[in-house]
């Protein structure tokens, strides 16, 4: 194919899906290659924005520390308990997360977890007993500073005689299954 443009002769040769444009003054350009190069340039230009856009919504800050005053609590449940994720989420397989749980004095509940959990008693005194039913009478007391390991699937009673805050660390997917709560509310997050 031949056509003229501003007193120049232009030849278009086609080879499969590639077109070669030649001009009479020996300029040549492979359109297929140019398209590929431009595609790569556009992808590289957009890559940083795409990477930022794909950042996980549960990303962990580079460093963080919590104490009683630093935890941002939601409103309390009807039973007086409060639950908040400190970092991560419990629904991501293989991902470690942490949470804070506040129990008011006199709160007792019976449950088990789908995965193991490590619990640090931040303040107050956590009381725990193991067994198939709620048993506050034989619960052992773990004071502030204690660190507990709770195996997956192990039913246990948990409560407090004083206001207590615990920090839990587990790996997703992870869920708490309630068998009995001594309070009026069965709606829990822990």
C-alpha atoms as a PDB file:
ATOM      1  CA  UNK A   1       0.000   0.000   0.000  1.00  0.00           C
ATOM      2  CA  UNK A   2       1.313   3.419  -0.930  1.00  0.00           C
ATOM      3  CA  UNK A   3       0.094   6.934  -0.073  1.00  0.00           C
ATOM      4  CA  UNK A   4       1.522  10.445   0.024  1.00  0.00           C
ATOM      5  CA  UNK A   5       1.632  12.735   3.024  1.00  0.00           C
ATOM      6  CA  UNK A   6       3.088  16.252   2.831  1.00  0.00           C
ATOM      7  CA  UNK A   7       5.264  15.463  -0.150  1.00  0.00           C
ATOM      8  CA  UNK A   8       6.602  12.258   1.394  1.00  0.00           C
ATOM      9  CA  UNK A   9       6.074   8.795   0.150  1.00  0.00           C
ATOM     10  CA  UNK A  10       4.938   6.356   2.876  1.00  0.00           C
ATOM     11  CA  UNK A  11       4.840   2.587   2.445  1.00  0.00           C
ATOM     12  CA  UNK A  12       2.880   0.296   4.726  1.00  0.00           C
ATOM     13  CA  UNK A  13       3.868  -3.360   4.816  1.00  0.00           C
ATOM     14  CA  UNK A  14       1.944  -5.856   6.874  1.00  0.00           C
ATOM     15  CA  UNK A  15       3.448  -9.061   8.369  1.00  0.00           C
ATOM     16  CA  UNK A  16       0.862 -10.961  10.408  1.00  0.00           C
ATOM     17  CA  UNK A  17      -0.201  -8.673  13.250  1.00  0.00           C
ATOM     18  CA  UNK A  18       2.763  -6.342  12.791  1.00  0.00           C
ATOM     19  CA  UNK A  19       2.781  -3.371  10.454  1.00  0.00           C
ATOM     20  CA  UNK A  20       5.950  -1.669   9.314  1.00  0.00           C
ATOM     21  CA  UNK A  21       5.801   1.943   8.212  1.00  0.00           C
ATOM     22  CA  UNK A  22       8.578   3.128   5.924  1.00  0.00           C
ATOM     23  CA  UNK A  23       9.094   6.579   4.573  1.00  0.00           C
ATOM     24  CA  UNK A  24      11.030   7.623   1.532  1.00  0.00           C
ATOM     25  CA  UNK A  25      13.801   9.155   3.657  1.00  0.00           C
ATOM     26  CA  UNK A  26      14.735   5.762   5.161  1.00  0.00           C
ATOM     27  CA  UNK A  27      12.914   6.112   8.485  1.00  0.00           C
ATOM     28  CA  UNK A  28      11.412   2.828   9.644  1.00  0.00           C
ATOM     29  CA  UNK A  29       9.264   2.029  12.614  1.00  0.00           C
ATOM     30  CA  UNK A  30       7.813  -1.256  13.726  1.00  0.00           C
ATOM     31  CA  UNK A  31       4.349  -0.485  15.022  1.00  0.00           C
ATOM     32  CA  UNK A  32       3.924  -3.833  16.822  1.00  0.00           C
ATOM     33  CA  UNK A  33       7.112  -3.283  18.814  1.00  0.00           C
ATOM     34  CA  UNK A  34       6.139   0.298  19.587  1.00  0.00           C
ATOM     35  CA  UNK A  35       2.766  -0.858  20.880  1.00  0.00           C
ATOM     36  CA  UNK A  36       4.463  -3.386  23.154  1.00  0.00           C
ATOM     37  CA  UNK A  37       6.946  -0.789  24.424  1.00  0.00           C
ATOM     38  CA  UNK A  38       4.154   1.702  25.122  1.00  0.00           C
ATOM     39  CA  UNK A  39       2.156  -0.975  26.971  1.00  0.00           C
ATOM     40  CA  UNK A  40       5.139  -1.704  29.233  1.00  0.00           C
ATOM     41  CA  UNK A  41       5.707   2.019  29.844  1.00  0.00           C
ATOM     42  CA  UNK A  42       2.049   2.517  30.787  1.00  0.00           C
ATOM     43  CA  UNK A  43       2.073  -0.488  33.141  1.00  0.00           C
ATOM     44  CA  UNK A  44       5.267   0.708  34.838  1.00  0.00           C
ATOM     45  CA  UNK A  45       3.848   4.207  35.208  1.00  0.00           C
ATOM     46  CA  UNK A  46       0.665   2.859  36.815  1.00  0.00           C
ATOM     47  CA  UNK A  47       2.335   0.141  38.963  1.00  0.00           C
ATOM     48  CA  UNK A  48       3.002   2.289  42.065  1.00  0.00           C
ATOM     49  CA  UNK A  49      -0.630   3.408  42.173  1.00  0.00           C
ATOM     50  CA  UNK A  50      -1.857  -0.168  41.692  1.00  0.00           C
ATOM     51  CA  UNK A  51       0.369  -1.451  44.493  1.00  0.00           C
ATOM     52  CA  UNK A  52      -0.899   1.212  46.876  1.00  0.00           C
ATOM     53  CA  UNK A  53      -4.493   0.476  45.887  1.00  0.00           C
ATOM     54  CA  UNK A  54      -3.991  -3.232  46.670  1.00  0.00           C
ATOM     55  CA  UNK A  55      -2.607  -2.613  50.170  1.00  0.00           C
ATOM     56  CA  UNK A  56      -4.521  -4.744  52.668  1.00  0.00           C
ATOM     57  CA  UNK A  57      -7.142  -2.861  54.679  1.00  0.00           C
ATOM     58  CA  UNK A  58      -5.878  -4.567  57.847  1.00  0.00           C
ATOM     59  CA  UNK A  59      -2.265  -3.495  57.429  1.00  0.00           C
ATOM     60  CA  UNK A  60      -0.242  -3.302  60.606  1.00  0.00           C
ATOM     61  CA  UNK A  61       1.520  -0.103  61.594  1.00  0.00           C
ATOM     62  CA  UNK A  62       5.336  -0.315  61.482  1.00  0.00           C
ATOM     63  CA  UNK A  63       5.441  -0.189  65.295  1.00  0.00           C
ATOM     64  CA  UNK A  64       2.748   0.069  67.941  1.00  0.00           C
ATOM     65  CA  UNK A  65       2.353  -0.235  71.679  1.00  0.00           C
ATOM     66  CA  UNK A  66      -0.756  -0.368  73.832  1.00  0.00           C
ATOM     67  CA  UNK A  67      -1.535   0.156  77.487  1.00  0.00           C
ATOM     68  CA  UNK A  68      -4.842   0.696  79.310  1.00  0.00           C
ATOM     69  CA  UNK A  69      -5.009   4.359  78.292  1.00  0.00           C
ATOM     70  CA  UNK A  70      -3.933   3.825  74.658  1.00  0.00           C
ATOM     71  CA  UNK A  71      -6.687   1.345  73.717  1.00  0.00           C
ATOM     72  CA  UNK A  72      -9.528   2.973  71.797  1.00  0.00           C
ATOM     73  CA  UNK A  73     -12.602   1.099  72.996  1.00  0.00           C
ATOM     74  CA  UNK A  74     -15.960   0.896  71.234  1.00  0.00           C
ATOM     75  CA  UNK A  75     -19.160   1.247  73.243  1.00  0.00           C
ATOM     76  CA  UNK A  76     -19.672  -1.567  75.740  1.00  0.00           C
ATOM     77  CA  UNK A  77     -21.931  -4.519  74.927  1.00  0.00           C
ATOM     78  CA  UNK A  78     -25.097  -4.833  77.025  1.00  0.00           C
ATOM     79  CA  UNK A  79     -23.209  -7.093  79.486  1.00  0.00           C
ATOM     80  CA  UNK A  80     -20.522  -4.421  80.012  1.00  0.00           C
ATOM     81  CA  UNK A  81     -17.779  -6.199  78.028  1.00  0.00           C
ATOM     82  CA  UNK A  82     -15.773  -4.406  75.337  1.00  0.00           C
ATOM     83  CA  UNK A  83     -13.822  -5.920  72.438  1.00  0.00           C
ATOM     84  CA  UNK A  84     -11.493  -4.286  69.926  1.00  0.00           C
ATOM     85  CA  UNK A  85      -8.929  -5.557  67.414  1.00  0.00           C
ATOM     86  CA  UNK A  86      -5.560  -3.951  68.082  1.00  0.00           C
ATOM     87  CA  UNK A  87      -4.014  -5.083  64.783  1.00  0.00           C
ATOM     88  CA  UNK A  88      -4.989  -7.497  62.042  1.00  0.00           C
ATOM     89  CA  UNK A  89      -8.250  -9.395  61.624  1.00  0.00           C
ATOM     90  CA  UNK A  90      -9.415 -12.827  62.754  1.00  0.00           C
ATOM     91  CA  UNK A  91     -10.728 -13.960  59.355  1.00  0.00           C
ATOM     92  CA  UNK A  92      -7.475 -14.049  57.340  1.00  0.00           C
ATOM     93  CA  UNK A  93      -5.966 -17.568  57.167  1.00  0.00           C
ATOM     94  CA  UNK A  94      -2.433 -17.753  58.550  1.00  0.00           C
ATOM     95  CA  UNK A  95      -2.422 -14.116  59.679  1.00  0.00           C
ATOM     96  CA  UNK A  96      -1.670 -13.290  63.321  1.00  0.00           C
ATOM     97  CA  UNK A  97      -3.861 -10.677  64.974  1.00  0.00           C
ATOM     98  CA  UNK A  98      -4.273  -9.218  68.449  1.00  0.00           C
ATOM     99  CA  UNK A  99      -7.263  -7.961  70.373  1.00  0.00           C
ATOM    100  CA  UNK A 100      -8.147  -6.365  73.705  1.00  0.00           C
ATOM    101  CA  UNK A 101     -11.081  -7.556  75.793  1.00  0.00           C
ATOM    102  CA  UNK A 102     -12.515  -5.765  78.826  1.00  0.00           C
ATOM    103  CA  UNK A 103     -14.573  -7.693  81.406  1.00  0.00           C
ATOM    104  CA  UNK A 104     -16.359  -5.812  84.177  1.00  0.00           C
ATOM    105  CA  UNK A 105     -16.269  -7.178  87.720  1.00  0.00           C
ATOM    106  CA  UNK A 106     -18.711 -10.065  88.067  1.00  0.00           C
ATOM    107  CA  UNK A 107     -18.753 -11.072  84.391  1.00  0.00           C
ATOM    108  CA  UNK A 108     -18.515 -14.816  83.631  1.00  0.00           C
ATOM    109  CA  UNK A 109     -18.788 -16.736  80.347  1.00  0.00           C
ATOM    110  CA  UNK A 110     -18.154 -20.231  79.015  1.00  0.00           C
ATOM    111  CA  UNK A 111     -16.735 -20.786  75.524  1.00  0.00           C
ATOM    112  CA  UNK A 112     -14.088 -22.404  73.332  1.00  0.00           C
ATOM    113  CA  UNK A 113     -11.973 -21.139  70.431  1.00  0.00           C
ATOM    114  CA  UNK A 114     -11.535 -22.556  66.923  1.00  0.00           C
ATOM    115  CA  UNK A 115      -7.768 -21.960  67.217  1.00  0.00           C
ATOM    116  CA  UNK A 116      -5.220 -21.598  69.978  1.00  0.00           C
ATOM    117  CA  UNK A 117      -4.806 -18.240  71.693  1.00  0.00           C
ATOM    118  CA  UNK A 118      -2.211 -16.637  73.916  1.00  0.00           C
ATOM    119  CA  UNK A 119      -3.614 -14.298  76.539  1.00  0.00           C
ATOM    120  CA  UNK A 120      -1.807 -11.596  78.512  1.00  0.00           C
ATOM    121  CA  UNK A 121      -3.570 -10.145  81.552  1.00  0.00           C
ATOM    122  CA  UNK A 122      -2.994  -6.398  81.206  1.00  0.00           C
ATOM    123  CA  UNK A 123      -4.911  -5.283  84.289  1.00  0.00           C
ATOM    124  CA  UNK A 124      -7.193  -6.710  86.944  1.00  0.00           C
ATOM    125  CA  UNK A 125      -7.247 -10.475  87.478  1.00  0.00           C
ATOM    126  CA  UNK A 126      -8.505 -13.057  84.996  1.00  0.00           C
ATOM    127  CA  UNK A 127     -10.146 -16.180  86.398  1.00  0.00           C
ATOM    128  CA  UNK A 128     -10.169 -19.369  84.282  1.00  0.00           C
ATOM    129  CA  UNK A 129     -11.299 -22.968  84.710  1.00  0.00           C
ATOM    130  CA  UNK A 130     -11.429 -25.758  82.125  1.00  0.00           C
ATOM    131  CA  UNK A 131     -14.405 -28.070  81.619  1.00  0.00           C
ATOM    132  CA  UNK A 132     -17.612 -28.640  79.702  1.00  0.00           C
ATOM    133  CA  UNK A 133     -19.790 -26.270  81.732  1.00  0.00           C
ATOM    134  CA  UNK A 134     -19.595 -22.849  83.331  1.00  0.00           C
ATOM    135  CA  UNK A 135     -17.640 -23.275  86.580  1.00  0.00           C
ATOM    136  CA  UNK A 136     -16.658 -20.071  88.346  1.00  0.00           C
ATOM    137  CA  UNK A 137     -16.167 -21.838  91.708  1.00  0.00           C
ATOM    138  CA  UNK A 138     -13.009 -23.716  90.629  1.00  0.00           C
ATOM    139  CA  UNK A 139     -11.572 -20.939  88.456  1.00  0.00           C
ATOM    140  CA  UNK A 140      -7.903 -20.175  89.049  1.00  0.00           C
ATOM    141  CA  UNK A 141      -6.866 -16.513  89.341  1.00  0.00           C
ATOM    142  CA  UNK A 142      -4.255 -15.022  86.984  1.00  0.00           C
ATOM    143  CA  UNK A 143      -3.169 -11.520  88.104  1.00  0.00           C
ATOM    144  CA  UNK A 144      -2.025  -8.632  85.904  1.00  0.00           C
ATOM    145  CA  UNK A 145       1.190  -9.621  84.142  1.00  0.00           C
ATOM    146  CA  UNK A 146       0.210 -13.303  83.754  1.00  0.00           C
ATOM    147  CA  UNK A 147       0.475 -14.961  80.338  1.00  0.00           C
ATOM    148  CA  UNK A 148      -1.738 -17.941  79.422  1.00  0.00           C
ATOM    149  CA  UNK A 149      -1.896 -20.411  76.550  1.00  0.00           C
ATOM    150  CA  UNK A 150      -5.396 -21.695  75.690  1.00  0.00           C
ATOM    151  CA  UNK A 151      -5.486 -24.678  73.289  1.00  0.00           C
ATOM    152  CA  UNK A 152      -7.890 -24.800  70.333  1.00  0.00           C
ATOM    153  CA  UNK A 153     -11.220 -26.465  71.064  1.00  0.00           C
ATOM    154  CA  UNK A 154     -10.704 -26.514  74.865  1.00  0.00           C
ATOM    155  CA  UNK A 155     -13.941 -25.396  76.613  1.00  0.00           C
ATOM    156  CA  UNK A 156     -13.281 -22.997  79.474  1.00  0.00           C
ATOM    157  CA  UNK A 157     -14.941 -20.622  81.885  1.00  0.00           C
ATOM    158  CA  UNK A 158     -13.545 -17.116  81.968  1.00  0.00           C
ATOM    159  CA  UNK A 159     -14.488 -14.303  84.293  1.00  0.00           C
ATOM    160  CA  UNK A 160     -13.373 -11.600  86.664  1.00  0.00           C
ATOM    161  CA  UNK A 161     -14.157 -10.425  90.177  1.00  0.00           C
ATOM    162  CA  UNK A 162     -12.570  -7.021  89.379  1.00  0.00           C
ATOM    163  CA  UNK A 163     -12.547  -5.004  86.152  1.00  0.00           C
ATOM    164  CA  UNK A 164     -10.062  -6.819  83.915  1.00  0.00           C
ATOM    165  CA  UNK A 165      -8.395  -6.213  80.543  1.00  0.00           C
ATOM    166  CA  UNK A 166      -6.768  -9.020  78.576  1.00  0.00           C
ATOM    167  CA  UNK A 167      -4.794  -8.961  75.338  1.00  0.00           C
ATOM    168  CA  UNK A 168      -5.246 -11.990  73.071  1.00  0.00           C
ATOM    169  CA  UNK A 169      -2.963 -13.087  70.241  1.00  0.00           C
ATOM    170  CA  UNK A 170      -4.147 -15.707  67.753  1.00  0.00           C
ATOM    171  CA  UNK A 171      -3.916 -16.710  64.095  1.00  0.00           C
ATOM    172  CA  UNK A 172      -6.823 -16.612  61.658  1.00  0.00           C
ATOM    173  CA  UNK A 173      -9.227 -17.914  60.852  1.00  0.00           C
ATOM    174  CA  UNK A 174     -10.269 -17.810  64.494  1.00  0.00           C
ATOM    175  CA  UNK A 175     -13.602 -17.611  66.281  1.00  0.00           C
ATOM    176  CA  UNK A 176     -14.979 -17.910  69.807  1.00  0.00           C
ATOM    177  CA  UNK A 177     -17.929 -20.266  70.293  1.00  0.00           C
ATOM    178  CA  UNK A 178     -20.108 -19.475  73.322  1.00  0.00           C
ATOM    179  CA  UNK A 179     -21.758 -22.329  75.185  1.00  0.00           C
ATOM    180  CA  UNK A 180     -23.090 -20.330  78.109  1.00  0.00           C
ATOM    181  CA  UNK A 181     -22.844 -16.769  79.302  1.00  0.00           C
ATOM    182  CA  UNK A 182     -23.710 -15.905  82.896  1.00  0.00           C
ATOM    183  CA  UNK A 183     -24.795 -12.431  81.826  1.00  0.00           C
ATOM    184  CA  UNK A 184     -27.975 -11.406  80.037  1.00  0.00           C
ATOM    185  CA  UNK A 185     -26.257 -10.952  76.684  1.00  0.00           C
ATOM    186  CA  UNK A 186     -25.223 -13.744  74.335  1.00  0.00           C
ATOM    187  CA  UNK A 187     -23.734 -11.270  71.835  1.00  0.00           C
ATOM    188  CA  UNK A 188     -19.945 -11.352  72.194  1.00  0.00           C
ATOM    189  CA  UNK A 189     -16.983 -10.712  69.931  1.00  0.00           C
ATOM    190  CA  UNK A 190     -14.172 -12.252  71.958  1.00  0.00           C
END
